Amino acid sequence: MHMADALLSPGVGGGLYAASAAAVLYSAKRVQRDEPGEGKAPLMAVSGAMVFAAQMVNFTIPGTGSSGHIAGGIMLAALLGPFAGLLALAAVLVIQCLCFADGGLLALGCNIFNIAVIPCLFVYPLLFKPILSAPAAGGVTAKRIWAASVVSAIVALQLGSLGVVVETAASGIIELPFAAFALLMQPIHLAIGVVEGLVTAAILAFVHAARPELLAPRAVIMNGHEAYAGIQEGPLAGGASPARSRPSTKSIRPVIIAFAAIAAATAAGLSLLASANPDGLEWSIAGVAGTTELEAGGPVFEFFAAARERLSFMPDYGFAEGGGAGTPIAGLVGAALVFALAGAATLVIGAYKNKRKRKSESERE
């Protein structure tokens, strides 16, 4: 669902840049205010790297000639909280665009909004949490995790794909009439959303069974370990009893190592098995316009195209067009870059928070 620049007018692209930038800045402020960045950095970094790797694996949608990949918004919001989840997924999309030419540079704001802002800031708090933590539910259970994950992933993909249709219509892309484009985009992303929901549910159910405290992101550092305030304080709150809210001091190192291993194995191995079929967006464009790529001209598009060409050192995740043998290397490099960017972001936020705290304490003295 990564949009290319040719699907947008400069005005729409610029407007969504502003909206996404505002969402990212607001999320950074909330992470700084609500959660210590130092404790969040390792989990946020490795989760972002895992989602980057997972997005490289396109799976075939049977009977359509299309393919899809998970987006990861609901999963990251559940693991990290909505604001840290948005920052991690924004890091994924920035690295994909700048380093691998995946998605247009003018369209980066739209891609962040459709793929990250919608699931993390809208679907997660308005749908995922209420399904999981209904008062009559009796707390977090595996069944409710599966239900919340599947329903939320489907809704997030439907809203994100609808966002693409609305943005192309607002841009005046006459090759993609609103009704015809929507009639292809919505059903194909419904199928993709089902798969994403199942993958998200499997990962969250595993994490909840192995380390339920990881689903409560209000973490602090105690003696070199993550300590969590309890299930009812975290994003997967389910009305836990006070007895379950005691801090846990279990090390999260095994989980971080497991996530890193999944990211490496997916990027270096499973990426080679990715479907070569066009993804849901390309398939829908071809169904309406007869081609998967539209053309756009003018100084604005030429500027963004030239900038992306200079920045992208492995276009299409390979040494040459089409990927080939470079795909595993691109996957490992990209996952490492996302790990570094997401981790650095939380460390900077945490350092800024500590600096303001020290300044405030000194002023009171």
Protein backbone atom coordinates (compact mmCIF):
# COMPACT_ATOMS: atom_id res chain seq x y z
CA MET A 1 0.00 0.00 0.00
CA HIS A 2 3.03 2.25 -0.41
CA MET A 3 1.94 5.06 -2.73
CA ALA A 4 4.11 6.38 -5.55
CA ASP A 5 4.46 10.10 -6.21
CA ALA A 6 2.51 9.86 -9.47
CA LEU A 7 -0.66 9.08 -7.50
CA LEU A 8 -0.67 12.49 -5.82
CA SER A 9 -0.76 16.17 -6.52
CA PRO A 10 1.85 18.32 -4.72
CA GLY A 11 -0.90 19.96 -2.68
CA VAL A 12 -2.29 16.69 -1.33
CA GLY A 13 1.20 15.30 -0.76
CA GLY A 14 2.23 18.44 1.12
CA GLY A 15 -0.93 18.46 3.20
CA LEU A 16 -0.42 14.86 4.31
CA TYR A 17 3.23 15.61 5.08
CA ALA A 18 2.01 18.27 7.51
CA ALA A 19 -0.58 15.97 9.07
CA SER A 20 1.87 13.10 9.50
CA ALA A 21 4.59 15.38 10.85
CA ALA A 22 2.14 16.72 13.43
CA ALA A 23 1.21 13.16 14.44
CA VAL A 24 4.87 12.15 14.77
CA LEU A 25 5.74 15.22 16.86
CA TYR A 26 2.69 14.71 19.07
CA SER A 27 3.62 11.05 19.55
CA ALA A 28 7.20 11.99 20.45
CA LYS A 29 5.89 14.45 23.04
CA ARG A 30 3.57 11.81 24.51
CA VAL A 31 6.36 9.23 24.67
CA GLN A 32 8.56 11.83 26.36
CA ARG A 33 5.83 12.69 28.85
CA ASP A 34 4.37 9.26 29.56
CA GLU A 35 7.12 6.71 29.07
CA PRO A 36 10.86 6.70 29.82
CA GLY A 37 12.65 6.45 26.49
CA GLU A 38 15.66 4.55 27.83
CA GLY A 39 13.56 1.55 28.80
CA LYS A 40 11.53 1.63 25.62
CA ALA A 41 14.46 1.83 23.22
CA PRO A 42 15.47 -1.87 22.91
CA LEU A 43 11.94 -3.21 22.45
CA MET A 44 10.94 -0.38 20.13
CA ALA A 45 14.05 -0.82 18.01
CA VAL A 46 13.82 -4.58 17.63
CA SER A 47 10.05 -4.51 17.03
CA GLY A 48 10.50 -1.95 14.27
CA ALA A 49 13.23 -4.07 12.68
CA MET A 50 10.95 -7.12 12.82
CA VAL A 51 8.13 -5.24 11.07
CA PHE A 52 10.53 -3.96 8.39
CA ALA A 53 11.60 -7.53 7.67
CA ALA A 54 8.01 -8.79 7.68
CA GLN A 55 6.97 -6.15 5.16
CA MET A 56 9.49 -7.60 2.68
CA VAL A 57 7.58 -10.89 2.55
CA ASN A 58 4.68 -10.55 0.13
CA PHE A 59 2.21 -13.44 0.30
CA THR A 60 0.02 -14.47 -2.62
CA ILE A 61 -3.73 -13.76 -2.49
CA PRO A 62 -5.16 -16.92 -4.10
CA GLY A 63 -7.27 -16.51 -7.20
CA THR A 64 -6.42 -12.84 -7.72
CA GLY A 65 -2.92 -12.62 -9.16
CA SER A 66 -2.16 -10.16 -6.37
CA SER A 67 -0.11 -10.23 -3.19
CA GLY A 68 0.12 -8.41 0.11
CA HIS A 69 2.26 -7.96 3.18
CA ILE A 70 1.54 -7.06 6.77
CA ALA A 71 1.71 -3.39 7.76
CA GLY A 72 2.36 -3.92 11.48
CA GLY A 73 0.55 -0.90 12.94
CA ILE A 74 -1.76 -2.75 15.31
CA MET A 75 1.01 -5.11 16.43
CA LEU A 76 3.42 -2.27 17.24
CA ALA A 77 0.74 -0.26 19.02
CA ALA A 78 -0.12 -3.29 21.18
CA LEU A 79 3.52 -4.05 22.01
CA LEU A 80 4.75 -0.48 22.53
CA GLY A 81 1.69 1.68 23.05
CA PRO A 82 0.14 3.78 20.25
CA PHE A 83 2.61 6.67 20.33
CA ALA A 84 5.83 4.64 20.46
CA GLY A 85 4.26 2.27 17.94
CA LEU A 86 3.67 5.15 15.54
CA LEU A 87 7.28 6.31 15.88
CA ALA A 88 8.61 2.81 15.21
CA LEU A 89 6.45 2.34 12.11
CA ALA A 90 7.32 5.83 10.85
CA ALA A 91 10.99 4.83 11.12
CA VAL A 92 10.26 1.75 8.99
CA LEU A 93 8.55 3.81 6.29
CA VAL A 94 11.29 6.47 6.23
CA ILE A 95 14.04 3.86 5.78
CA GLN A 96 12.02 2.05 3.10
CA CYS A 97 11.54 5.27 1.14
CA LEU A 98 14.96 6.90 1.49
CA CYS A 99 17.18 3.83 1.26
CA PHE A 100 15.24 1.37 -0.90
CA ALA A 101 12.95 3.59 -3.04
CA ASP A 102 9.88 1.81 -1.65
CA GLY A 103 7.14 4.43 -1.88
CA GLY A 104 7.49 7.93 -3.28
CA LEU A 105 9.30 10.72 -1.44
CA LEU A 106 6.46 13.18 -2.15
CA ALA A 107 4.07 10.43 -0.99
CA LEU A 108 5.94 9.70 2.26
CA GLY A 109 3.53 11.80 4.32
CA CYS A 110 0.55 9.94 2.83
CA ASN A 111 2.18 6.57 3.45
CA ILE A 112 2.92 7.40 7.08
CA PHE A 113 -0.66 8.59 7.57
CA ASN A 114 -2.33 5.62 5.85
CA ILE A 115 -0.08 2.88 7.22
CA ALA A 116 0.95 4.21 10.65
CA VAL A 117 -1.25 7.07 11.90
CA ILE A 118 -4.59 5.41 11.14
CA PRO A 119 -3.93 2.09 12.94
CA CYS A 120 -1.90 3.49 15.85
CA LEU A 121 -3.81 6.66 16.73
CA PHE A 122 -7.34 5.77 15.60
CA VAL A 123 -8.02 2.05 15.22
CA TYR A 124 -5.94 0.91 18.20
CA PRO A 125 -7.53 3.17 20.87
CA LEU A 126 -11.04 3.18 19.40
CA LEU A 127 -11.36 -0.49 18.48
CA PHE A 128 -8.53 -2.75 19.63
CA LYS A 129 -8.48 -1.67 23.28
CA PRO A 130 -12.28 -1.68 23.76
CA ILE A 131 -12.58 -5.18 22.30
CA LEU A 132 -9.77 -6.48 24.48
CA SER A 133 -10.66 -4.73 27.71
CA ALA A 134 -14.48 -4.81 27.80
CA PRO A 135 -15.58 -4.82 31.48
CA ALA A 136 -17.46 -8.08 31.06
CA ALA A 137 -14.54 -9.81 29.37
CA GLY A 138 -12.84 -10.94 32.55
CA GLY A 139 -9.40 -9.63 31.60
CA VAL A 140 -7.06 -10.31 28.71
CA THR A 141 -7.52 -13.75 27.18
CA ALA A 142 -6.12 -15.44 24.09
CA LYS A 143 -9.55 -15.42 22.45
CA ARG A 144 -9.94 -11.68 22.94
CA ILE A 145 -6.43 -11.05 21.63
CA TRP A 146 -7.31 -12.98 18.47
CA ALA A 147 -10.63 -11.20 18.06
CA ALA A 148 -9.20 -7.73 18.68
CA SER A 149 -6.22 -8.34 16.38
CA VAL A 150 -8.17 -9.68 13.41
CA VAL A 151 -10.97 -7.11 13.58
CA SER A 152 -8.59 -4.19 14.13
CA ALA A 153 -6.19 -5.23 11.36
CA ILE A 154 -9.04 -5.56 8.88
CA VAL A 155 -10.48 -2.15 9.79
CA ALA A 156 -7.03 -0.52 9.71
CA LEU A 157 -6.31 -1.90 6.21
CA GLN A 158 -9.75 -0.90 4.97
CA LEU A 159 -9.34 2.66 6.24
CA GLY A 160 -5.78 2.91 4.95
CA SER A 161 -6.71 1.67 1.49
CA LEU A 162 -9.71 4.01 1.46
CA GLY A 163 -7.28 6.81 2.34
CA VAL A 164 -5.28 5.98 -0.79
CA VAL A 165 -8.44 6.19 -2.92
CA VAL A 166 -9.52 9.49 -1.36
CA GLU A 167 -6.04 10.99 -1.78
CA THR A 168 -5.81 10.04 -5.45
CA ALA A 169 -9.30 11.43 -6.07
CA ALA A 170 -8.42 14.67 -4.25
CA SER A 171 -5.30 14.88 -6.41
CA GLY A 172 -7.37 14.71 -9.58
CA ILE A 173 -5.80 11.50 -10.91
CA ILE A 174 -8.26 10.94 -13.75
CA GLU A 175 -6.84 7.50 -14.60
CA LEU A 176 -8.23 6.24 -11.28
CA PRO A 177 -11.94 7.11 -10.96
CA PHE A 178 -13.01 6.97 -7.31
CA ALA A 179 -15.72 4.29 -7.55
CA ALA A 180 -13.84 1.92 -9.85
CA PHE A 181 -10.62 2.26 -7.84
CA ALA A 182 -12.40 1.73 -4.50
CA LEU A 183 -14.21 -1.37 -5.79
CA LEU A 184 -10.83 -3.03 -6.32
CA MET A 185 -8.87 -1.56 -3.40
CA GLN A 186 -11.31 -2.45 -0.63
CA PRO A 187 -11.84 -6.19 -1.34
CA ILE A 188 -8.17 -6.96 -1.97
CA HIS A 189 -7.13 -5.18 1.23
CA LEU A 190 -9.87 -7.02 3.10
CA ALA A 191 -8.08 -10.27 2.22
CA ILE A 192 -4.72 -8.78 3.17
CA GLY A 193 -6.20 -7.53 6.44
CA VAL A 194 -7.38 -11.01 7.40
CA VAL A 195 -3.86 -12.40 6.99
CA GLU A 196 -2.35 -9.47 8.88
CA GLY A 197 -4.84 -9.94 11.69
CA LEU A 198 -3.96 -13.62 12.04
CA VAL A 199 -0.21 -12.88 12.07
CA THR A 200 -0.69 -10.07 14.60
CA ALA A 201 -2.85 -12.25 16.83
CA ALA A 202 -0.35 -15.11 16.76
CA ILE A 203 2.53 -12.84 17.80
CA LEU A 204 0.56 -11.04 20.53
CA ALA A 205 -0.89 -14.28 21.89
CA PHE A 206 2.61 -15.75 22.08
CA VAL A 207 3.98 -12.66 23.83
CA HIS A 208 1.06 -12.61 26.26
CA ALA A 209 1.56 -16.27 27.14
CA ALA A 210 5.33 -15.95 27.53
CA ARG A 211 5.73 -12.45 29.01
CA PRO A 212 2.37 -10.77 29.71
CA GLU A 213 4.15 -7.84 31.35
CA LEU A 214 5.58 -6.86 27.96
CA LEU A 215 2.11 -5.78 26.92
CA ALA A 216 2.20 -3.04 29.57
CA PRO A 217 4.55 -0.41 28.15
CA ARG A 218 4.82 1.87 31.18
CA ALA A 219 8.28 0.58 31.96
CA VAL A 220 11.08 1.73 34.20
CA ILE A 221 14.58 0.37 34.73
CA MET A 222 15.18 -1.51 37.97
CA ASN A 223 18.60 -3.10 38.51
CA GLY A 224 19.20 -3.46 34.78
CA HIS A 225 15.82 -5.05 34.05
CA GLU A 226 12.54 -3.77 32.75
CA ALA A 227 9.94 -3.35 35.50
CA TYR A 228 6.30 -3.00 34.44
CA ALA A 229 3.51 -1.38 36.36
CA GLY A 230 1.00 -4.11 35.57
CA ILE A 231 -1.43 -5.33 32.95
CA GLN A 232 -4.20 -2.87 33.70
CA GLU A 233 -1.88 0.10 33.13
CA GLY A 234 -0.72 -1.00 29.70
CA PRO A 235 -2.25 -0.90 26.24
CA LEU A 236 -3.69 -4.40 26.57
CA ALA A 237 -5.50 -3.51 29.78
CA GLY A 238 -8.23 -5.92 30.62
CA GLY A 239 -9.44 -5.04 34.07
CA ALA A 240 -6.79 -7.00 35.94
CA SER A 241 -7.10 -7.27 39.68
CA PRO A 242 -4.79 -5.21 41.93
CA ALA A 243 -2.86 -8.39 42.72
CA ARG A 244 -1.78 -8.61 39.09
CA SER A 245 -0.52 -5.02 39.02
CA ARG A 246 2.63 -5.73 41.02
CA PRO A 247 5.78 -4.77 39.13
CA SER A 248 7.61 -7.50 37.29
CA THR A 249 11.39 -7.46 37.08
CA LYS A 250 11.87 -10.23 34.54
CA SER A 251 14.54 -9.50 31.99
CA ILE A 252 13.21 -8.77 28.52
CA ARG A 253 16.51 -9.84 26.95
CA PRO A 254 15.20 -13.25 25.79
CA VAL A 255 12.25 -11.61 24.04
CA ILE A 256 14.47 -9.00 22.40
CA ILE A 257 16.84 -11.74 21.22
CA ALA A 258 13.89 -13.75 19.88
CA PHE A 259 12.49 -10.74 17.99
CA ALA A 260 15.95 -9.98 16.57
CA ALA A 261 16.32 -13.58 15.41
CA ILE A 262 12.89 -13.44 13.74
CA ALA A 263 13.83 -10.19 12.00
CA ALA A 264 17.14 -11.59 10.75
CA ALA A 265 15.65 -14.89 9.59
CA THR A 266 12.79 -13.13 7.82
CA ALA A 267 14.97 -10.53 6.13
CA ALA A 268 17.70 -12.94 5.05
CA GLY A 269 15.62 -16.03 4.32
CA LEU A 270 11.87 -15.64 4.01
CA SER A 271 12.26 -12.51 1.87
CA LEU A 272 13.57 -14.76 -0.91
CA LEU A 273 10.21 -16.55 -0.93
CA ALA A 274 8.18 -13.36 -1.38
CA SER A 275 5.53 -13.44 -4.08
CA ALA A 276 6.41 -11.68 -7.33
CA ASN A 277 2.75 -10.75 -7.93
CA PRO A 278 1.87 -7.05 -7.77
CA ASP A 279 0.74 -5.92 -4.34
CA GLY A 280 -2.84 -4.90 -3.62
CA LEU A 281 -2.31 -1.26 -4.63
CA GLU A 282 -0.48 -2.08 -7.87
CA TRP A 283 -3.04 -4.77 -8.71
CA SER A 284 -5.89 -2.30 -8.20
CA ILE A 285 -4.20 0.38 -10.30
CA ALA A 286 -3.65 -2.12 -13.11
CA GLY A 287 -7.26 -3.22 -12.93
CA VAL A 288 -8.47 0.34 -13.49
CA ALA A 289 -5.72 2.03 -15.53
CA GLY A 290 -4.28 -0.98 -17.35
CA THR A 291 -0.78 -0.44 -15.92
CA THR A 292 0.79 -0.69 -12.48
CA GLU A 293 2.72 2.57 -12.86
CA LEU A 294 1.33 5.99 -13.74
CA GLU A 295 3.42 8.84 -15.06
CA ALA A 296 3.67 12.34 -13.62
CA GLY A 297 5.65 15.32 -14.90
CA GLY A 298 6.63 18.75 -13.70
CA PRO A 299 9.39 20.36 -11.61
CA VAL A 300 8.01 19.17 -8.25
CA PHE A 301 7.89 15.52 -9.30
CA GLU A 302 11.30 15.79 -10.97
CA PHE A 303 12.79 17.25 -7.77
CA PHE A 304 11.44 14.47 -5.54
CA ALA A 305 12.38 11.78 -8.04
CA ALA A 306 15.95 13.06 -8.29
CA ALA A 307 16.25 13.34 -4.51
CA ARG A 308 15.01 9.79 -4.00
CA GLU A 309 17.37 8.49 -6.68
CA ARG A 310 20.35 10.09 -4.94
CA LEU A 311 19.34 8.76 -1.51
CA SER A 312 18.33 5.19 -2.42
CA PHE A 313 21.42 2.98 -2.42
CA MET A 314 19.55 -0.33 -3.02
CA PRO A 315 16.42 0.46 -5.07
CA ASP A 316 13.79 -2.29 -4.97
CA TYR A 317 15.82 -4.09 -2.29
CA GLY A 318 18.53 -5.32 -4.61
CA PHE A 319 21.78 -4.52 -6.37
CA ALA A 320 19.90 -4.23 -9.64
CA GLU A 321 16.32 -3.69 -10.65
CA GLY A 322 14.20 -6.65 -9.55
CA GLY A 323 16.10 -7.44 -6.34
CA GLY A 324 17.79 -10.76 -7.06
CA ALA A 325 20.71 -11.84 -4.87
CA GLY A 326 20.77 -8.49 -3.10
CA THR A 327 17.43 -9.02 -1.38
CA PRO A 328 18.76 -10.73 1.81
CA ILE A 329 21.49 -8.11 2.17
CA ALA A 330 18.96 -5.32 1.69
CA GLY A 331 16.73 -6.92 4.30
CA LEU A 332 19.48 -7.19 6.89
CA VAL A 333 20.77 -3.68 6.19
CA GLY A 334 17.27 -2.21 6.30
CA ALA A 335 16.38 -3.99 9.54
CA ALA A 336 19.61 -2.74 11.10
CA LEU A 337 18.89 0.83 9.96
CA VAL A 338 15.37 0.71 11.39
CA PHE A 339 16.75 -0.72 14.64
CA ALA A 340 19.23 2.16 14.85
CA LEU A 341 16.76 4.89 13.90
CA ALA A 342 13.94 3.72 16.18
CA GLY A 343 16.29 3.09 19.09
CA ALA A 344 18.02 6.44 18.63
CA ALA A 345 14.68 8.24 18.56
CA THR A 346 13.64 6.85 21.94
CA LEU A 347 17.05 7.52 23.45
CA VAL A 348 16.95 11.14 22.27
CA ILE A 349 13.43 11.55 23.63
CA GLY A 350 14.48 10.04 26.95
CA ALA A 351 17.59 12.24 27.17
CA TYR A 352 15.53 15.36 26.44
CA LYS A 353 13.04 14.34 29.11
CA ASN A 354 15.80 13.82 31.67
CA LYS A 355 17.37 17.17 30.76
CA ARG A 356 14.07 18.98 31.30
CA LYS A 357 13.55 17.12 34.56
CA ARG A 358 16.97 18.16 35.87
CA LYS A 359 16.36 21.73 34.79
CA SER A 360 13.01 21.77 36.56
CA GLU A 361 14.55 20.35 39.74
CA SER A 362 17.36 22.91 39.68
CA GLU A 363 14.87 25.76 39.25
CA ARG A 364 12.89 24.54 42.26
CA GLU A 365 16.06 24.50 44.35
